[in-house]
Amino acid sequence: IPDYGAVIFDEAHLIEDIAADYFGFQVSNFQIDELARDAATLPISDAIATREIDKIASKILGLSEQFWIRFVQARFDGRFPLEPDAFSYRSTGGDTQPTPLGEAYYALDSTLQRLEASVAVFAEKIPEADSLLRRTRQTRFDLDFVVTQAERNYVYWLEKRGKGIFLRASPVDVSELLREKLFDKVETCVLTSATLSSNGKFDFIRDRLGLDTSKTGGFEAPSAFEYEKQAILYLPRAMPDPRVPEFTQLAAGEIVKILRATKGRAFVLCTSNMSMNALYELVSSRVSYPCFVQGSMSKTGLLDKFRETPNAVLFATQSFWQGVDVQGEQLSCVIIDKLPFAVPSDPLVAARSRFIDESGGNAFFDYSVPQAIISLKQGIGRLIRSSTDRGVIAILDPRLRTKRYGKDFLQSLPRMRITSDLKDLEEILTIST
């Protein structure tokens, strides 16, 4: 990158999470298996050395499998905290002893060290060996960082996604890192996003990124769209608290009524895979419109299918809440099942919340609510994508009206008419045609 005096960040509401990833550490089963496979294909002419490296690579594959299989949480997809004593514990005599998982780690690390030593001999002459050497050293460093859990400002967890198992460590608070690496070094930083403010203020993003209030200005530009004419917000009259068991069944019934009023042409955005799949099963059998669900094909494939299928309905979760653009009548309704609060048991969310509470703040109102507001604004932003678009935003969560923080959500949304009458939905869409 050439010299610069200013930096502009688009989609700046993502900076905290991106920085947490960038300054974090990660090791996966895929990564270690790939190291072993690449080691076995190094272009080394020395037959004795090749046989030795092949043996080590084969052993790494076996030890890696034994290591990952010991994580009992990895039987299910999700993110799970790593306990401080996961790899070692203090005996009654005060000595540090490895757990069975710790023993599996030390055996794997020892063999990775052997691979490192064997490959180092050829690193100067063979580029592939040099690359593998650097990757092996980095993998050992990252594994050690996660296993020892020495940095107190980091949170450590295990993530299971399909066949992938990931050990991860991320800084709980990135404000000091961003200040040191970015904001104190660059004269001008511009942070821009359609969803950067919460309840008309930039306090949340300032606090999360550690921005100096005396050196930070804010400007909220008016929307390019006329939401009062182009959109209507539908809030059902009688929905139960989303945490009760009957919510999903009643939400499905409400979605069916909305889809009949809008003739399909809708996104149903859910806050979890479980909710998405349950609503898809309950709704798709009760409407005559083509229904698609996230996970049945690639994201691009789903969007193409949705765009080309008249009156389609797409059930989706997190990745469809932002970065998706469907203009015109094909998307005339966005239905959101629940307010998108982050899962409180998620290791990173739990660590951030604990840090805020221990620092004298209130994690729910200082973090959970403003974060959910930004996510909600991203979700409803899928509807109006041009000056000619019209449509319905439906939020099924009654907490917008029953909880004290509900007004913060409503005041953060674009100003538009609010209704609980399904006839009004048909009316705004009739006007558009």
Protein backbone atom coordinates (compact mmCIF):
# COMPACT_ATOMS: atom_id res chain seq x y z
CA ILE A 1 0.00 0.00 0.00
CA PRO A 2 1.44 3.44 -0.88
CA ASP A 3 1.76 6.21 1.70
CA TYR A 4 -1.58 7.59 2.85
CA GLY A 5 -2.90 10.26 5.17
CA ALA A 6 -6.50 9.09 5.39
CA VAL A 7 -8.37 5.78 5.53
CA ILE A 8 -12.02 5.22 4.61
CA PHE A 9 -13.80 2.15 6.00
CA ASP A 10 -17.05 1.16 4.32
CA GLU A 11 -19.44 -1.17 6.21
CA ALA A 12 -17.71 0.13 9.34
CA HIS A 13 -20.23 -1.56 11.65
CA LEU A 14 -18.17 -4.72 11.03
CA ILE A 15 -14.83 -3.30 12.19
CA GLU A 16 -14.93 -4.74 15.71
CA ASP A 17 -15.57 -8.31 14.56
CA ILE A 18 -13.07 -8.07 11.70
CA ALA A 19 -10.42 -6.70 14.07
CA ALA A 20 -11.14 -9.50 16.55
CA ASP A 21 -10.51 -12.01 13.76
CA TYR A 22 -7.41 -10.21 12.47
CA PHE A 23 -5.74 -9.96 15.88
CA GLY A 24 -6.88 -13.43 16.84
CA PHE A 25 -5.51 -16.93 16.33
CA GLN A 26 -7.04 -19.99 14.71
CA VAL A 27 -6.06 -23.60 14.06
CA SER A 28 -8.32 -26.16 12.39
CA ASN A 29 -8.29 -29.87 11.63
CA PHE A 30 -8.26 -28.95 7.92
CA GLN A 31 -5.14 -26.86 8.42
CA ILE A 32 -3.14 -29.60 10.14
CA ASP A 33 -4.26 -32.27 7.68
CA GLU A 34 -3.22 -30.01 4.80
CA LEU A 35 0.22 -29.56 6.37
CA ALA A 36 0.67 -33.33 6.51
CA ARG A 37 -0.49 -33.84 2.92
CA ASP A 38 1.75 -31.07 1.61
CA ALA A 39 4.71 -32.50 3.53
CA ALA A 40 4.20 -35.85 1.78
CA THR A 41 4.37 -34.20 -1.67
CA LEU A 42 7.50 -32.06 -1.20
CA PRO A 43 9.82 -32.26 -4.27
CA ILE A 44 12.80 -33.64 -2.32
CA SER A 45 15.21 -35.89 -4.21
CA ASP A 46 16.83 -37.36 -1.08
CA ALA A 47 15.05 -40.73 -0.75
CA ILE A 48 15.97 -41.25 2.92
CA ALA A 49 14.73 -37.78 3.89
CA THR A 50 11.56 -38.29 1.87
CA ARG A 51 10.77 -41.55 3.65
CA GLU A 52 11.32 -39.90 7.03
CA ILE A 53 9.07 -36.95 6.18
CA ASP A 54 6.40 -39.33 4.85
CA LYS A 55 6.46 -41.24 8.14
CA ILE A 56 6.14 -38.01 10.12
CA ALA A 57 3.30 -36.79 7.90
CA SER A 58 1.44 -40.06 8.36
CA LYS A 59 1.91 -39.87 12.12
CA ILE A 60 0.63 -36.28 12.18
CA LEU A 61 -2.57 -37.38 10.44
CA GLY A 62 -3.15 -40.08 13.07
CA LEU A 63 -2.31 -37.87 16.04
CA SER A 64 -4.40 -35.04 14.65
CA GLU A 65 -7.43 -37.32 14.47
CA GLN A 66 -6.82 -38.47 18.06
CA PHE A 67 -6.46 -34.84 19.18
CA TRP A 68 -9.66 -33.50 17.61
CA ILE A 69 -11.78 -36.51 18.57
CA ARG A 70 -11.16 -35.75 22.25
CA PHE A 71 -13.17 -32.54 22.05
CA VAL A 72 -16.54 -33.88 23.19
CA GLN A 73 -18.27 -30.60 22.22
CA ALA A 74 -17.33 -31.20 18.57
CA ARG A 75 -20.12 -33.72 18.19
CA PHE A 76 -22.45 -30.83 17.39
CA ASP A 77 -22.17 -27.64 15.32
CA GLY A 78 -21.71 -24.50 17.39
CA ARG A 79 -19.24 -22.40 19.37
CA PHE A 80 -18.16 -23.64 22.79
CA PRO A 81 -15.88 -22.04 25.41
CA LEU A 82 -12.57 -23.72 26.23
CA GLU A 83 -12.23 -24.12 29.97
CA PRO A 84 -8.91 -23.01 31.53
CA ASP A 85 -8.24 -26.57 32.70
CA ALA A 86 -9.07 -28.21 29.36
CA PHE A 87 -5.44 -29.13 28.67
CA SER A 88 -3.86 -29.25 32.13
CA TYR A 89 -4.75 -29.17 35.83
CA ARG A 90 -3.02 -28.77 39.18
CA SER A 91 -2.67 -31.99 41.14
CA THR A 92 -3.17 -32.16 44.89
CA GLY A 93 0.61 -31.85 45.22
CA GLY A 94 0.58 -28.56 43.29
CA ASP A 95 2.15 -29.94 40.13
CA THR A 96 0.73 -29.17 36.69
CA GLN A 97 -0.46 -32.34 35.01
CA PRO A 98 -1.79 -32.76 31.44
CA THR A 99 -5.35 -33.90 30.89
CA PRO A 100 -5.97 -36.62 28.26
CA LEU A 101 -6.62 -33.76 25.81
CA GLY A 102 -3.36 -32.12 26.89
CA GLU A 103 -1.47 -35.36 26.33
CA ALA A 104 -2.93 -35.59 22.82
CA TYR A 105 -1.83 -32.00 22.18
CA TYR A 106 1.75 -32.60 23.38
CA ALA A 107 2.05 -35.71 21.20
CA LEU A 108 0.81 -33.78 18.16
CA ASP A 109 3.03 -30.77 18.84
CA SER A 110 6.08 -32.99 19.30
CA THR A 111 5.50 -34.57 15.90
CA LEU A 112 4.92 -31.17 14.27
CA GLN A 113 8.26 -30.13 15.78
CA ARG A 114 9.89 -33.16 14.14
CA LEU A 115 8.37 -32.14 10.81
CA GLU A 116 9.66 -28.62 11.31
CA ALA A 117 13.21 -29.88 11.91
CA SER A 118 13.13 -32.28 8.95
CA VAL A 119 11.83 -29.68 6.51
CA ALA A 120 14.17 -26.90 7.72
CA VAL A 121 17.13 -28.71 6.12
CA PHE A 122 15.67 -28.07 2.65
CA ALA A 123 14.06 -24.66 3.23
CA GLU A 124 16.85 -22.58 1.66
CA LYS A 125 16.90 -24.52 -1.61
CA ILE A 126 13.28 -25.60 -2.09
CA PRO A 127 10.59 -22.87 -2.01
CA GLU A 128 7.84 -25.39 -1.16
CA ALA A 129 9.86 -26.54 1.86
CA ASP A 130 10.37 -22.95 2.99
CA SER A 131 6.63 -22.27 2.74
CA LEU A 132 5.79 -25.46 4.64
CA LEU A 133 8.34 -24.61 7.33
CA ARG A 134 6.78 -21.19 7.93
CA ARG A 135 3.26 -22.66 8.01
CA THR A 136 4.31 -25.37 10.46
CA ARG A 137 5.94 -22.84 12.79
CA GLN A 138 2.85 -20.61 12.66
CA THR A 139 0.54 -23.55 13.36
CA ARG A 140 2.59 -24.58 16.38
CA PHE A 141 2.63 -20.99 17.66
CA ASP A 142 -1.12 -20.58 17.22
CA LEU A 143 -1.85 -23.93 18.88
CA ASP A 144 0.37 -23.05 21.83
CA PHE A 145 -1.35 -19.65 22.17
CA VAL A 146 -4.77 -21.29 22.42
CA VAL A 147 -3.70 -24.18 24.63
CA THR A 148 -1.81 -22.11 27.22
CA GLN A 149 -4.50 -19.38 27.37
CA ALA A 150 -1.91 -16.97 28.76
CA GLU A 151 -3.37 -13.69 27.45
CA ARG A 152 -6.13 -12.52 29.77
CA ASN A 153 -7.63 -10.08 27.24
CA TYR A 154 -8.40 -13.01 24.94
CA VAL A 155 -11.30 -15.44 24.91
CA TYR A 156 -10.65 -19.03 23.85
CA TRP A 157 -13.18 -21.32 22.23
CA LEU A 158 -13.90 -24.27 19.99
CA GLU A 159 -16.06 -23.96 16.88
CA LYS A 160 -17.61 -26.87 14.96
CA ARG A 161 -18.93 -26.22 11.44
CA GLY A 162 -19.81 -29.28 9.40
CA LYS A 163 -16.65 -31.37 9.16
CA GLY A 164 -14.46 -28.50 10.35
CA ILE A 165 -13.24 -28.12 13.93
CA PHE A 166 -11.55 -24.85 14.84
CA LEU A 167 -9.64 -23.76 17.93
CA ARG A 168 -9.85 -19.99 18.18
CA ALA A 169 -8.68 -17.10 20.34
CA SER A 170 -9.84 -13.51 19.94
CA PRO A 171 -9.25 -10.29 21.88
CA VAL A 172 -12.24 -9.46 24.05
CA ASP A 173 -11.72 -5.70 23.67
CA VAL A 174 -10.14 -4.43 20.45
CA SER A 175 -10.26 -0.72 21.30
CA GLU A 176 -6.67 -0.52 22.59
CA LEU A 177 -5.34 -2.49 19.63
CA LEU A 178 -7.17 -0.29 17.12
CA ARG A 179 -6.03 2.86 18.86
CA GLU A 180 -2.41 1.70 18.90
CA LYS A 181 -2.32 0.25 15.37
CA LEU A 182 -4.67 2.60 13.55
CA PHE A 183 -6.35 5.61 15.09
CA ASP A 184 -3.23 7.08 16.76
CA LYS A 185 -1.17 6.60 13.60
CA VAL A 186 -3.50 7.84 10.86
CA GLU A 187 -4.43 11.50 10.74
CA THR A 188 -7.92 10.95 9.32
CA CYS A 189 -10.20 7.91 9.48
CA VAL A 190 -13.66 7.94 7.93
CA LEU A 191 -16.08 5.25 9.10
CA THR A 192 -19.17 4.90 6.96
CA SER A 193 -22.13 2.52 6.95
CA ALA A 194 -25.87 2.65 6.49
CA THR A 195 -26.25 1.14 9.97
CA LEU A 196 -23.54 2.80 12.04
CA SER A 197 -25.82 4.64 14.48
CA SER A 198 -28.10 3.31 17.17
CA ASN A 199 -31.12 5.38 18.18
CA GLY A 200 -29.69 8.29 16.20
CA LYS A 201 -26.37 8.29 18.08
CA PHE A 202 -22.85 7.04 17.41
CA ASP A 203 -22.05 6.32 21.08
CA PHE A 204 -22.05 2.55 20.61
CA ILE A 205 -19.49 2.46 17.79
CA ARG A 206 -17.34 5.08 19.56
CA ASP A 207 -17.25 3.01 22.74
CA ARG A 208 -16.64 -0.32 21.01
CA LEU A 209 -13.74 1.04 18.92
CA GLY A 210 -12.27 3.26 21.66
CA LEU A 211 -12.60 6.47 19.66
CA ASP A 212 -11.64 9.71 21.40
CA THR A 213 -14.86 11.74 21.65
CA SER A 214 -12.96 15.05 21.49
CA LYS A 215 -11.39 14.03 18.17
CA THR A 216 -14.42 12.34 16.64
CA GLY A 217 -17.26 13.93 14.70
CA GLY A 218 -20.45 12.34 13.44
CA PHE A 219 -22.85 12.97 10.58
CA GLU A 220 -26.04 11.07 9.85
CA ALA A 221 -27.10 11.66 6.24
CA PRO A 222 -30.80 11.52 5.35
CA SER A 223 -31.94 8.40 3.51
CA ALA A 224 -32.05 8.51 -0.27
CA PHE A 225 -35.39 6.69 -0.06
CA GLU A 226 -38.82 7.93 1.03
CA TYR A 227 -39.71 5.19 3.50
CA GLU A 228 -42.95 6.89 4.54
CA LYS A 229 -44.21 6.45 0.97
CA GLN A 230 -42.31 3.33 -0.04
CA ALA A 231 -42.67 1.04 2.99
CA ILE A 232 -44.95 0.05 5.82
CA LEU A 233 -44.01 -1.62 9.11
CA TYR A 234 -46.34 -4.42 10.16
CA LEU A 235 -46.43 -5.45 13.83
CA PRO A 236 -48.92 -8.23 14.64
CA ARG A 237 -51.38 -7.47 17.41
CA ALA A 238 -51.13 -10.61 19.53
CA MET A 239 -47.87 -12.53 19.49
CA PRO A 240 -46.43 -14.25 22.58
CA ASP A 241 -42.96 -13.70 23.95
CA PRO A 242 -40.51 -15.33 21.47
CA ARG A 243 -38.98 -17.37 24.27
CA VAL A 244 -42.12 -19.43 24.88
CA PRO A 245 -42.56 -22.79 23.07
CA GLU A 246 -45.72 -21.83 21.16
CA PHE A 247 -44.09 -18.80 19.49
CA THR A 248 -42.84 -20.70 16.43
CA GLN A 249 -46.26 -22.22 15.67
CA LEU A 250 -47.99 -18.84 16.00
CA ALA A 251 -45.25 -17.09 14.01
CA ALA A 252 -45.76 -19.57 11.19
CA GLY A 253 -49.48 -18.79 11.14
CA GLU A 254 -48.75 -15.07 10.99
CA ILE A 255 -46.22 -15.57 8.17
CA VAL A 256 -48.81 -17.50 6.14
CA LYS A 257 -51.25 -14.58 6.45
CA ILE A 258 -48.58 -12.05 5.48
CA LEU A 259 -47.50 -14.08 2.45
CA ARG A 260 -51.07 -14.33 1.23
CA ALA A 261 -51.35 -10.55 1.48
CA THR A 262 -48.07 -9.95 -0.38
CA LYS A 263 -48.49 -12.90 -2.81
CA GLY A 264 -45.19 -14.36 -1.62
CA ARG A 265 -42.29 -12.27 -2.93
CA ALA A 266 -40.66 -12.33 0.49
CA PHE A 267 -37.58 -12.97 2.57
CA VAL A 268 -38.22 -14.62 5.94
CA LEU A 269 -35.13 -13.70 7.94
CA CYS A 270 -34.57 -15.77 11.06
CA THR A 271 -32.20 -15.42 13.99
CA SER A 272 -31.18 -19.08 14.12
CA ASN A 273 -30.96 -22.15 11.90
CA MET A 274 -33.38 -23.98 14.17
CA SER A 275 -36.00 -21.26 13.81
CA MET A 276 -35.43 -21.01 10.05
CA ASN A 277 -35.89 -24.74 9.46
CA ALA A 278 -38.92 -24.98 11.74
CA LEU A 279 -40.67 -22.04 10.07
CA TYR A 280 -39.83 -23.35 6.60
CA GLU A 281 -41.40 -26.73 7.40
CA LEU A 282 -44.51 -25.17 8.95
CA VAL A 283 -45.08 -22.50 6.30
CA SER A 284 -44.04 -24.12 3.01
CA SER A 285 -46.72 -26.81 3.34
CA ARG A 286 -49.45 -24.19 3.88
CA VAL A 287 -48.80 -21.77 1.01
CA SER A 288 -48.91 -22.25 -2.74
CA TYR A 289 -45.85 -20.08 -3.39
CA PRO A 290 -42.43 -21.60 -4.20
CA CYS A 291 -40.39 -21.76 -1.00
CA PHE A 292 -36.61 -21.99 -0.73
CA VAL A 293 -34.45 -22.43 2.34
CA GLN A 294 -30.85 -21.48 3.03
CA GLY A 295 -28.53 -24.48 2.96
CA SER A 296 -30.34 -26.25 0.11
CA MET A 297 -27.87 -24.73 -2.36
CA SER A 298 -25.18 -22.04 -2.51
CA LYS A 299 -26.05 -18.47 -1.50
CA THR A 300 -25.56 -17.25 -5.07
CA GLY A 301 -27.66 -20.12 -6.41
CA LEU A 302 -30.47 -19.37 -3.96
CA LEU A 303 -30.53 -15.68 -4.87
CA ASP A 304 -30.58 -16.47 -8.59
CA LYS A 305 -33.41 -18.96 -8.03
CA PHE A 306 -35.34 -16.42 -5.97
CA ARG A 307 -34.93 -13.66 -8.57
CA GLU A 308 -36.12 -15.84 -11.47
CA THR A 309 -39.05 -17.54 -9.68
CA PRO A 310 -42.32 -15.56 -9.54
CA ASN A 311 -43.84 -15.10 -6.05
CA ALA A 312 -40.95 -16.94 -4.37
CA VAL A 313 -40.33 -17.03 -0.63
CA LEU A 314 -36.83 -17.48 0.79
CA PHE A 315 -36.20 -18.60 4.37
CA ALA A 316 -32.74 -17.58 5.50
CA THR A 317 -30.59 -16.71 8.46
CA GLN A 318 -27.54 -14.61 9.34
CA SER A 319 -25.66 -14.33 6.03
CA PHE A 320 -28.76 -13.01 4.23
CA TRP A 321 -29.31 -10.16 6.71
CA GLN A 322 -26.70 -8.05 4.90
CA GLY A 323 -24.92 -7.79 1.55
CA VAL A 324 -27.96 -9.00 -0.44
CA ASP A 325 -29.56 -6.85 -3.15
CA VAL A 326 -32.85 -7.80 -4.84
CA GLN A 327 -34.51 -4.82 -6.50
CA GLY A 328 -38.05 -4.54 -7.81
CA GLU A 329 -41.35 -6.28 -7.04
CA GLN A 330 -39.72 -9.71 -6.77
CA LEU A 331 -38.83 -8.77 -3.16
CA SER A 332 -41.83 -6.94 -1.75
CA CYS A 333 -41.72 -8.13 1.84
CA VAL A 334 -39.13 -8.80 4.52
CA ILE A 335 -40.36 -10.77 7.54
CA ILE A 336 -38.18 -10.94 10.67
CA ASP A 337 -39.06 -13.54 13.27
CA LYS A 338 -37.28 -12.15 16.33
CA LEU A 339 -35.15 -9.19 17.38
CA PRO A 340 -31.60 -10.26 16.43
CA PHE A 341 -29.95 -10.31 19.83
CA ALA A 342 -26.61 -12.09 19.83
CA VAL A 343 -26.65 -15.50 21.53
CA PRO A 344 -25.61 -14.72 25.13
CA SER A 345 -23.87 -18.09 25.54
CA ASP A 346 -21.61 -17.49 22.51
CA PRO A 347 -18.05 -17.40 23.93
CA LEU A 348 -17.10 -14.05 22.38
CA VAL A 349 -20.43 -12.39 23.23
CA ALA A 350 -20.27 -13.72 26.79
CA ALA A 351 -16.68 -12.49 27.23
CA ARG A 352 -17.51 -9.01 25.88
CA SER A 353 -20.57 -8.79 28.12
CA ARG A 354 -18.58 -9.86 31.16
CA PHE A 355 -15.87 -7.29 30.35
CA ILE A 356 -18.45 -4.49 30.13
CA ASP A 357 -20.12 -5.48 33.41
CA GLU A 358 -16.78 -5.76 35.21
CA SER A 359 -15.83 -2.31 33.88
CA GLY A 360 -18.92 -0.76 35.50
CA GLY A 361 -21.24 -0.79 32.49
CA ASN A 362 -24.46 -2.61 31.71
CA ALA A 363 -23.81 -5.25 29.07
CA PHE A 364 -27.43 -5.56 27.98
CA PHE A 365 -28.08 -1.88 27.34
CA ASP A 366 -24.51 -0.92 26.41
CA TYR A 367 -23.84 -3.84 24.07
CA SER A 368 -26.70 -6.27 23.40
CA VAL A 369 -29.40 -3.72 22.56
CA PRO A 370 -27.35 -1.41 20.26
CA GLN A 371 -25.78 -4.42 18.52
CA ALA A 372 -29.22 -5.91 17.89
CA ILE A 373 -30.48 -2.55 16.59
CA ILE A 374 -27.68 -2.41 14.03
CA SER A 375 -28.39 -6.00 12.97
CA LEU A 376 -32.11 -5.27 12.64
CA LYS A 377 -31.40 -2.21 10.48
CA GLN A 378 -29.25 -4.42 8.25
CA GLY A 379 -32.08 -6.92 7.89
CA ILE A 380 -34.82 -4.46 6.99
CA GLY A 381 -32.39 -2.76 4.61
CA ARG A 382 -32.87 -5.71 2.23
CA LEU A 383 -36.31 -4.36 1.23
CA ILE A 384 -35.94 -0.87 -0.23
CA ARG A 385 -33.04 -0.93 -2.68
CA SER A 386 -34.13 1.74 -5.17
CA SER A 387 -36.38 4.80 -5.34
CA THR A 388 -39.11 2.78 -7.08
CA ASP A 389 -39.22 -0.14 -4.62
CA ARG A 390 -42.24 -0.55 -2.35
CA GLY A 391 -42.99 -3.13 0.25
CA VAL A 392 -43.70 -4.48 3.70
CA ILE A 393 -41.43 -4.94 6.69
CA ALA A 394 -42.96 -7.34 9.22
CA ILE A 395 -41.42 -7.90 12.65
CA LEU A 396 -43.11 -10.66 14.64
CA ASP A 397 -41.35 -10.02 17.95
CA PRO A 398 -43.79 -8.33 20.40
CA ARG A 399 -40.93 -6.98 22.53
CA LEU A 400 -40.86 -3.94 20.21
CA ARG A 401 -44.02 -2.87 22.05
CA THR A 402 -43.86 -4.68 25.39
CA LYS A 403 -40.30 -3.94 26.53
CA ARG A 404 -38.79 -0.64 27.59
CA TYR A 405 -35.98 -0.99 25.04
CA GLY A 406 -38.48 -1.54 22.21
CA LYS A 407 -38.74 2.21 21.59
CA ASP A 408 -34.98 2.34 20.99
CA PHE A 409 -35.42 -0.14 18.14
CA LEU A 410 -38.39 1.71 16.65
CA GLN A 411 -36.68 5.09 16.88
CA SER A 412 -33.63 3.67 15.10
CA LEU A 413 -35.62 2.50 12.08
CA PRO A 414 -36.44 4.71 9.10
CA ARG A 415 -39.61 6.72 9.72
CA MET A 416 -42.54 4.85 8.19
CA ARG A 417 -46.17 4.05 8.85
CA ILE A 418 -46.81 1.34 11.45
CA THR A 419 -49.84 -0.93 11.19
CA SER A 420 -51.32 -4.12 12.62
CA ASP A 421 -53.92 -4.45 9.87
CA LEU A 422 -53.17 -6.93 7.06
CA LYS A 423 -55.35 -4.92 4.66
CA ASP A 424 -52.78 -2.11 4.78
CA LEU A 425 -50.18 -4.50 3.39
CA GLU A 426 -52.27 -5.22 0.36
CA GLU A 427 -52.94 -1.51 -0.09
CA ILE A 428 -49.29 -0.38 -0.30
CA LEU A 429 -48.49 -3.17 -2.75
CA THR A 430 -51.57 -2.34 -4.85
CA ILE A 431 -50.36 1.27 -5.09
CA SER A 432 -46.98 0.02 -6.35
CA THR A 433 -48.62 -1.73 -9.28
